N, C-alpha and C. Protein backbone atom coordinates (compact mmCIF):
# COMPACT_ATOMS: atom_id res chain seq x y z
N MET A 1 9.93 -34.00 5.40
CA MET A 1 10.79 -32.99 4.01
C MET A 1 10.61 -31.41 4.36
N VAL A 2 8.90 -31.31 4.83
CA VAL A 2 8.27 -30.24 5.54
C VAL A 2 8.49 -29.88 7.01
N ALA A 3 9.30 -30.53 7.29
CA ALA A 3 9.90 -30.35 8.81
C ALA A 3 11.10 -29.75 8.86
N PHE A 4 12.08 -30.70 7.85
CA PHE A 4 12.81 -29.56 7.78
C PHE A 4 13.31 -28.76 6.78
N LEU A 5 12.29 -28.20 6.01
CA LEU A 5 12.12 -26.29 5.13
C LEU A 5 11.65 -25.52 6.17
N ILE A 6 10.57 -26.13 7.52
CA ILE A 6 10.67 -25.75 8.48
C ILE A 6 11.05 -24.74 9.17
N CYS A 7 12.15 -26.05 9.73
CA CYS A 7 13.31 -25.78 10.67
C CYS A 7 15.06 -25.38 10.21
N ASN A 8 14.70 -25.08 9.26
CA ASN A 8 16.11 -24.65 8.13
C ASN A 8 16.62 -23.72 8.32
N PRO A 9 17.19 -23.18 8.74
CA PRO A 9 17.21 -22.12 9.05
C PRO A 9 17.70 -21.06 7.84
N ILE A 10 17.87 -21.53 6.57
CA ILE A 10 17.77 -20.63 5.59
C ILE A 10 16.48 -20.37 5.13
N SER A 11 15.86 -21.50 5.13
CA SER A 11 14.19 -21.09 4.72
C SER A 11 13.76 -20.19 5.88
N ALA A 12 14.61 -20.39 6.79
CA ALA A 12 13.36 -19.66 8.12
C ALA A 12 14.03 -18.10 7.94
N SER A 13 15.12 -17.95 7.62
CA SER A 13 15.92 -16.57 7.15
C SER A 13 15.25 -15.97 5.98
N VAL A 14 14.52 -16.72 4.99
CA VAL A 14 14.45 -15.81 3.59
C VAL A 14 12.70 -15.11 3.90
N ALA A 15 12.03 -16.45 4.74
CA ALA A 15 10.74 -16.57 4.98
C ALA A 15 10.86 -14.91 6.17
N GLY A 16 11.73 -14.71 6.82
CA GLY A 16 11.49 -13.65 7.62
C GLY A 16 11.76 -12.34 7.13
N GLY A 17 12.83 -12.48 6.14
CA GLY A 17 12.93 -11.25 5.32
C GLY A 17 12.44 -10.83 4.50
N VAL A 18 11.44 -12.08 3.67
CA VAL A 18 9.90 -11.63 3.17
C VAL A 18 8.89 -10.66 3.57
N LEU A 19 8.99 -11.48 5.16
CA LEU A 19 7.87 -11.06 5.78
C LEU A 19 8.24 -9.07 6.37
N TRP A 20 9.33 -9.19 6.40
CA TRP A 20 10.26 -7.99 6.91
C TRP A 20 9.87 -6.82 5.91
N GLN A 21 10.07 -7.45 4.60
CA GLN A 21 10.02 -6.34 3.78
C GLN A 21 8.33 -5.70 2.96
N LEU A 22 7.71 -7.16 3.09
CA LEU A 22 6.54 -6.67 3.26
C LEU A 22 6.19 -5.61 4.28
N ASN A 23 6.57 -5.39 5.35
CA ASN A 23 5.83 -4.59 6.60
C ASN A 23 6.42 -3.37 6.06
N TYR A 24 7.51 -3.52 5.69
CA TYR A 24 8.31 -2.36 5.63
C TYR A 24 8.16 -1.26 4.46
N ASN A 25 7.50 -2.36 3.29
CA ASN A 25 6.97 -1.54 2.29
C ASN A 25 5.51 -1.19 2.58
N LYS A 26 4.65 -1.79 3.46
CA LYS A 26 3.70 -0.91 4.02
C LYS A 26 3.54 0.22 4.98
N SER A 27 4.36 0.02 5.28
CA SER A 27 4.90 1.18 6.78
C SER A 27 5.01 2.45 5.54
N MET A 28 5.51 2.29 4.61
CA MET A 28 6.42 3.30 3.90
C MET A 28 5.51 3.66 2.68
N ARG A 29 3.98 3.11 2.94
CA ARG A 29 3.12 3.68 1.76
C ARG A 29 2.14 4.35 3.12
N ASN A 30 2.29 3.91 3.98
CA ASN A 30 1.34 4.28 4.97
C ASN A 30 1.88 5.85 5.11
N ALA A 31 3.13 6.34 5.49
CA ALA A 31 3.78 7.44 5.71
C ALA A 31 3.63 8.31 4.30
N TYR A 32 3.64 7.21 3.24
CA TYR A 32 3.89 8.45 2.02
C TYR A 32 2.32 9.25 1.99
N ALA A 33 1.43 8.52 2.33
CA ALA A 33 -0.13 8.39 2.42
C ALA A 33 -0.31 9.77 3.61
N GLU A 34 0.20 9.67 4.30
CA GLU A 34 0.40 10.74 5.48
C GLU A 34 0.68 11.98 5.36
N ARG A 35 2.04 12.44 4.47
CA ARG A 35 2.43 13.46 4.28
C ARG A 35 1.87 14.02 3.26
N ASN A 36 0.91 13.22 2.32
CA ASN A 36 0.87 13.56 1.23
C ASN A 36 -0.67 13.88 0.91
N PHE A 37 -1.81 13.57 1.45
CA PHE A 37 -2.84 13.09 1.33
C PHE A 37 -4.02 14.59 1.21
N ARG A 38 -3.04 15.68 1.63
CA ARG A 38 -4.18 17.03 1.76
C ARG A 38 -3.36 17.31 0.06
N GLU A 39 -2.69 17.07 -0.61
CA GLU A 39 -2.32 17.45 -2.00
C GLU A 39 -2.76 16.65 -3.10
N GLU A 40 -2.79 14.87 -2.77
CA GLU A 40 -3.49 14.00 -3.54
C GLU A 40 -4.93 13.91 -3.39
N CYS A 41 -5.83 14.23 -2.55
CA CYS A 41 -7.01 14.09 -2.77
C CYS A 41 -8.12 14.71 -3.07
N PRO A 42 -7.64 15.85 -3.24
CA PRO A 42 -8.72 16.91 -3.90
C PRO A 42 -8.87 16.44 -5.15
N VAL A 43 -8.17 16.32 -5.62
CA VAL A 43 -8.11 15.31 -6.90
C VAL A 43 -8.91 14.32 -6.87
N TYR A 44 -8.57 13.16 -6.21
CA TYR A 44 -9.90 12.02 -6.31
C TYR A 44 -11.15 12.26 -5.62
N LYS A 45 -11.40 13.75 -5.11
CA LYS A 45 -12.66 13.78 -4.15
C LYS A 45 -13.50 14.30 -5.28
N GLN A 46 -12.93 15.13 -6.42
CA GLN A 46 -13.56 16.18 -7.33
C GLN A 46 -13.39 15.18 -8.55
N ALA A 47 -13.24 13.72 -8.60
CA ALA A 47 -13.28 13.03 -9.81
C ALA A 47 -15.01 12.49 -9.91
N SER A 48 -15.32 12.04 -10.66
CA SER A 48 -16.62 11.48 -10.84
C SER A 48 -16.15 9.61 -11.03
N THR A 49 -17.54 8.61 -10.64
CA THR A 49 -16.87 7.78 -10.19
C THR A 49 -16.43 7.07 -12.02
N TRP A 50 -16.47 7.46 -13.01
CA TRP A 50 -16.54 7.19 -14.71
C TRP A 50 -14.57 7.28 -14.05
N GLU A 51 -14.01 8.76 -14.36
CA GLU A 51 -13.05 8.96 -13.81
C GLU A 51 -12.13 8.54 -13.33
N ARG A 52 -12.78 8.10 -11.87
CA ARG A 52 -11.74 6.97 -11.02
C ARG A 52 -11.68 5.86 -11.61
N TRP A 53 -12.53 5.37 -12.57
CA TRP A 53 -12.25 3.74 -12.98
C TRP A 53 -10.86 4.25 -14.09
N THR A 54 -11.42 5.16 -15.17
CA THR A 54 -10.77 5.14 -16.50
C THR A 54 -9.56 5.79 -16.04
N ASP A 55 -9.57 7.13 -15.38
CA ASP A 55 -8.48 8.03 -15.76
C ASP A 55 -6.79 7.00 -14.88
N ASP A 56 -6.10 7.44 -15.41
CA ASP A 56 -4.64 6.63 -14.73
C ASP A 56 -4.60 7.36 -13.38
N ARG A 57 -4.67 8.60 -14.02
CA ARG A 57 -4.26 9.39 -12.76
C ARG A 57 -4.88 9.38 -11.70
N VAL A 58 -6.59 9.33 -11.47
CA VAL A 58 -7.23 9.23 -10.52
C VAL A 58 -7.02 8.64 -10.08
N SER A 59 -6.90 6.98 -10.85
CA SER A 59 -7.39 5.27 -9.98
C SER A 59 -6.62 4.93 -9.63
N SER A 60 -4.90 5.79 -9.62
CA SER A 60 -3.55 5.13 -9.07
C SER A 60 -3.43 5.74 -7.96
N ILE A 61 -4.43 7.13 -7.46
CA ILE A 61 -4.10 7.18 -5.96
C ILE A 61 -6.26 6.85 -5.06
N SER A 62 -6.38 5.78 -5.44
CA SER A 62 -7.01 5.03 -5.22
C SER A 62 -6.96 4.97 -3.37
N TRP A 63 -5.99 5.21 -3.10
CA TRP A 63 -6.00 4.67 -1.44
C TRP A 63 -6.62 5.95 -0.67
N CYS A 64 -7.17 7.37 -1.67
CA CYS A 64 -7.51 8.47 -0.68
C CYS A 64 -8.93 7.98 -0.49
N LYS A 65 -9.48 7.07 -0.93
CA LYS A 65 -10.67 6.49 0.01
C LYS A 65 -10.66 6.75 1.24
N ASP A 66 -9.60 6.62 1.88
CA ASP A 66 -9.66 6.83 3.11
C ASP A 66 -9.30 7.79 4.10
N TYR A 67 -9.16 8.88 3.24
CA TYR A 67 -8.77 9.85 4.12
C TYR A 67 -9.81 10.96 3.50
N LEU A 68 -10.70 10.95 2.62
CA LEU A 68 -11.79 11.81 2.17
C LEU A 68 -12.48 12.50 3.06
N ASP A 69 -12.46 11.79 4.66
CA ASP A 69 -13.51 12.31 5.30
C ASP A 69 -12.47 13.63 6.42
N ARG A 70 -10.73 13.57 6.15
CA ARG A 70 -9.84 14.26 6.74
C ARG A 70 -9.61 15.44 5.53
N ILE A 71 -10.22 15.57 4.87
CA ILE A 71 -10.09 16.81 3.64
C ILE A 71 -10.87 18.13 4.02
């Protein structure tokens, strides 16, 4: 049964589509971060640890940790 699922073209297509979508979403997320880190990350840098944990605006841009050295 497992061999049938692995070798089945339909299940292989679905798995390939899911992997493509994950990679595409990751590339779009990285492109967004590269375009917008200069505007978004100063807010994150100035925020206290408490604000980073509790404030919705600041906690949603936690990806800025990787860009703090570039500001």
